[in-house]
Amino acid sequence: MSKPAKELVHERVGGEPYDYYPLGDYIVSAPGICGGRPTFKYTRLEVAVVLDLLAAGWTVEQLTYEYAKSNLTPKAIAEALRLARQALLSVSAAPADAPVV
């Protein structure tokens, strides 16, 4: 059974409406931002971009420096990794008769 979706949050940021579904404390899915793909809260910085950079060998220090204007923090990056881990763990295992590639 899947978890119910969190409710849409309505805020005003810089005088503009900002609606999002919280995925964590730092990560949201905002319907009008980046096609609703997960972003760091109050930014257009996609979580997938940061995960790709980590996979390419970037350090947390490099990321927070390069994305300082987005206020990216080590805690936000750690949350992205935790959520990615949870997503992987929630994927069903392949059936026993699945071919090995």
C-alpha atoms as a PDB file:
ATOM      1  CA  MET A   1       0.000   0.000   0.000  1.00  0.00           C
ATOM      2  CA  SER A   2       1.440   3.401  -0.966  1.00  0.00           C
ATOM      3  CA  LYS A   3       1.630   6.394   1.326  1.00  0.00           C
ATOM      4  CA  PRO A   4      -0.943   9.128   0.766  1.00  0.00           C
ATOM      5  CA  ALA A   5       0.458  12.175  -1.026  1.00  0.00           C
ATOM      6  CA  LYS A   6       1.229  15.110   1.209  1.00  0.00           C
ATOM      7  CA  GLU A   7      -1.038  18.088   0.800  1.00  0.00           C
ATOM      8  CA  LEU A   8      -0.217  21.003  -1.469  1.00  0.00           C
ATOM      9  CA  VAL A   9       1.399  23.847   0.489  1.00  0.00           C
ATOM     10  CA  HIS A  10       0.646  27.453  -0.531  1.00  0.00           C
ATOM     11  CA  GLU A  11       3.208  30.155   0.285  1.00  0.00           C
ATOM     12  CA  ARG A  12       4.242  33.543  -1.010  1.00  0.00           C
ATOM     13  CA  VAL A  13       7.921  33.996  -1.825  1.00  0.00           C
ATOM     14  CA  GLY A  14       9.124  37.423  -2.909  1.00  0.00           C
ATOM     15  CA  GLY A  15       5.495  38.435  -3.264  1.00  0.00           C
ATOM     16  CA  GLU A  16       4.811  35.604  -5.719  1.00  0.00           C
ATOM     17  CA  PRO A  17       2.716  32.489  -5.048  1.00  0.00           C
ATOM     18  CA  TYR A  18       4.743  29.322  -4.537  1.00  0.00           C
ATOM     19  CA  ASP A  19       2.826  26.045  -4.329  1.00  0.00           C
ATOM     20  CA  TYR A  20       4.536  22.728  -3.658  1.00  0.00           C
ATOM     21  CA  TYR A  21       4.198  19.232  -2.308  1.00  0.00           C
ATOM     22  CA  PRO A  22       6.827  18.634   0.394  1.00  0.00           C
ATOM     23  CA  LEU A  23       8.935  15.546  -0.174  1.00  0.00           C
ATOM     24  CA  GLY A  24      11.148  16.377   2.797  1.00  0.00           C
ATOM     25  CA  ASP A  25      12.301  19.468   4.664  1.00  0.00           C
ATOM     26  CA  TYR A  26      14.470  20.688   1.763  1.00  0.00           C
ATOM     27  CA  ILE A  27      13.034  18.940  -1.278  1.00  0.00           C
ATOM     28  CA  VAL A  28       9.696  19.627  -2.920  1.00  0.00           C
ATOM     29  CA  SER A  29       7.681  18.914  -6.017  1.00  0.00           C
ATOM     30  CA  ALA A  30       6.286  22.240  -7.235  1.00  0.00           C
ATOM     31  CA  PRO A  31       3.732  21.762 -10.039  1.00  0.00           C
ATOM     32  CA  GLY A  32       4.803  24.892 -11.942  1.00  0.00           C
ATOM     33  CA  ILE A  33       8.560  24.442 -11.461  1.00  0.00           C
ATOM     34  CA  CYS A  34      10.711  22.115 -13.618  1.00  0.00           C
ATOM     35  CA  GLY A  35       7.675  20.106 -14.670  1.00  0.00           C
ATOM     36  CA  GLY A  36       7.012  19.083 -11.073  1.00  0.00           C
ATOM     37  CA  ARG A  37      10.267  17.110 -10.848  1.00  0.00           C
ATOM     38  CA  PRO A  38      11.861  17.229  -7.380  1.00  0.00           C
ATOM     39  CA  THR A  39      13.755  20.456  -6.699  1.00  0.00           C
ATOM     40  CA  PHE A  40      15.399  22.001  -3.689  1.00  0.00           C
ATOM     41  CA  LYS A  41      12.836  24.204  -1.935  1.00  0.00           C
ATOM     42  CA  TYR A  42      12.577  27.773  -3.256  1.00  0.00           C
ATOM     43  CA  THR A  43      14.835  27.015  -6.240  1.00  0.00           C
ATOM     44  CA  ARG A  44      14.749  25.653  -9.757  1.00  0.00           C
ATOM     45  CA  LEU A  45      17.672  23.396  -8.909  1.00  0.00           C
ATOM     46  CA  GLU A  46      16.639  19.839  -9.682  1.00  0.00           C
ATOM     47  CA  VAL A  47      17.622  17.126  -7.242  1.00  0.00           C
ATOM     48  CA  ALA A  48      18.596  14.874 -10.178  1.00  0.00           C
ATOM     49  CA  VAL A  49      21.234  17.417 -11.268  1.00  0.00           C
ATOM     50  CA  VAL A  50      22.872  17.345  -7.839  1.00  0.00           C
ATOM     51  CA  LEU A  51      22.733  13.531  -7.693  1.00  0.00           C
ATOM     52  CA  ASP A  52      24.316  13.337 -11.160  1.00  0.00           C
ATOM     53  CA  LEU A  53      27.121  15.674 -10.062  1.00  0.00           C
ATOM     54  CA  LEU A  54      27.738  13.603  -6.932  1.00  0.00           C
ATOM     55  CA  ALA A  55      27.900  10.477  -9.098  1.00  0.00           C
ATOM     56  CA  ALA A  56      30.430  12.269 -11.325  1.00  0.00           C
ATOM     57  CA  GLY A  57      32.695  12.805  -8.326  1.00  0.00           C
ATOM     58  CA  TRP A  58      31.768  16.279  -7.113  1.00  0.00           C
ATOM     59  CA  THR A  59      32.071  16.794  -3.370  1.00  0.00           C
ATOM     60  CA  VAL A  60      29.425  18.301  -1.132  1.00  0.00           C
ATOM     61  CA  GLU A  61      31.770  21.255  -0.647  1.00  0.00           C
ATOM     62  CA  GLN A  62      32.024  21.815  -4.423  1.00  0.00           C
ATOM     63  CA  LEU A  63      28.256  21.643  -4.793  1.00  0.00           C
ATOM     64  CA  THR A  64      27.506  24.082  -1.985  1.00  0.00           C
ATOM     65  CA  TYR A  65      30.101  26.484  -3.391  1.00  0.00           C
ATOM     66  CA  GLU A  66      28.862  26.276  -7.000  1.00  0.00           C
ATOM     67  CA  TYR A  67      25.207  26.565  -5.966  1.00  0.00           C
ATOM     68  CA  ALA A  68      25.661  29.100  -3.161  1.00  0.00           C
ATOM     69  CA  LYS A  69      23.118  31.442  -4.792  1.00  0.00           C
ATOM     70  CA  SER A  70      20.547  28.657  -4.457  1.00  0.00           C
ATOM     71  CA  ASN A  71      21.377  28.310  -0.745  1.00  0.00           C
ATOM     72  CA  LEU A  72      22.165  24.626  -1.244  1.00  0.00           C
ATOM     73  CA  THR A  73      23.292  23.148   2.067  1.00  0.00           C
ATOM     74  CA  PRO A  74      24.944  19.891   3.116  1.00  0.00           C
ATOM     75  CA  LYS A  75      21.726  18.987   4.980  1.00  0.00           C
ATOM     76  CA  ALA A  76      19.696  19.423   1.784  1.00  0.00           C
ATOM     77  CA  ILE A  77      22.135  17.221  -0.148  1.00  0.00           C
ATOM     78  CA  ALA A  78      21.994  14.564   2.588  1.00  0.00           C
ATOM     79  CA  GLU A  79      18.196  14.605   2.364  1.00  0.00           C
ATOM     80  CA  ALA A  80      18.415  14.111  -1.417  1.00  0.00           C
ATOM     81  CA  LEU A  81      20.593  11.052  -0.878  1.00  0.00           C
ATOM     82  CA  ARG A  82      18.223   9.661   1.780  1.00  0.00           C
ATOM     83  CA  LEU A  83      15.193  10.132  -0.484  1.00  0.00           C
ATOM     84  CA  ALA A  84      17.008   8.507  -3.414  1.00  0.00           C
ATOM     85  CA  ARG A  85      17.898   5.551  -1.196  1.00  0.00           C
ATOM     86  CA  GLN A  86      14.277   5.221  -0.046  1.00  0.00           C
ATOM     87  CA  ALA A  87      13.091   5.310  -3.664  1.00  0.00           C
ATOM     88  CA  LEU A  88      15.493   2.514  -4.597  1.00  0.00           C
ATOM     89  CA  LEU A  89      14.457   0.405  -1.630  1.00  0.00           C
ATOM     90  CA  SER A  90      10.801   0.785  -2.553  1.00  0.00           C
ATOM     91  CA  VAL A  91      11.340  -0.738  -6.005  1.00  0.00           C
ATOM     92  CA  SER A  92      10.183  -4.335  -6.150  1.00  0.00           C
ATOM     93  CA  ALA A  93      12.850  -6.972  -6.630  1.00  0.00           C
ATOM     94  CA  ALA A  94      12.964  -8.667 -10.006  1.00  0.00           C
ATOM     95  CA  PRO A  95      11.059 -11.967 -10.196  1.00  0.00           C
ATOM     96  CA  ALA A  96      13.157 -15.090  -9.565  1.00  0.00           C
ATOM     97  CA  ASP A  97      12.745 -16.186 -13.205  1.00  0.00           C
ATOM     98  CA  ALA A  98      13.923 -12.851 -14.649  1.00  0.00           C
ATOM     99  CA  PRO A  99      16.825 -13.228 -17.086  1.00  0.00           C
ATOM    100  CA  VAL A 100      20.245 -12.158 -15.866  1.00  0.00           C
ATOM    101  CA  VAL A 101      21.852  -9.566 -18.130  1.00  0.00           C
END
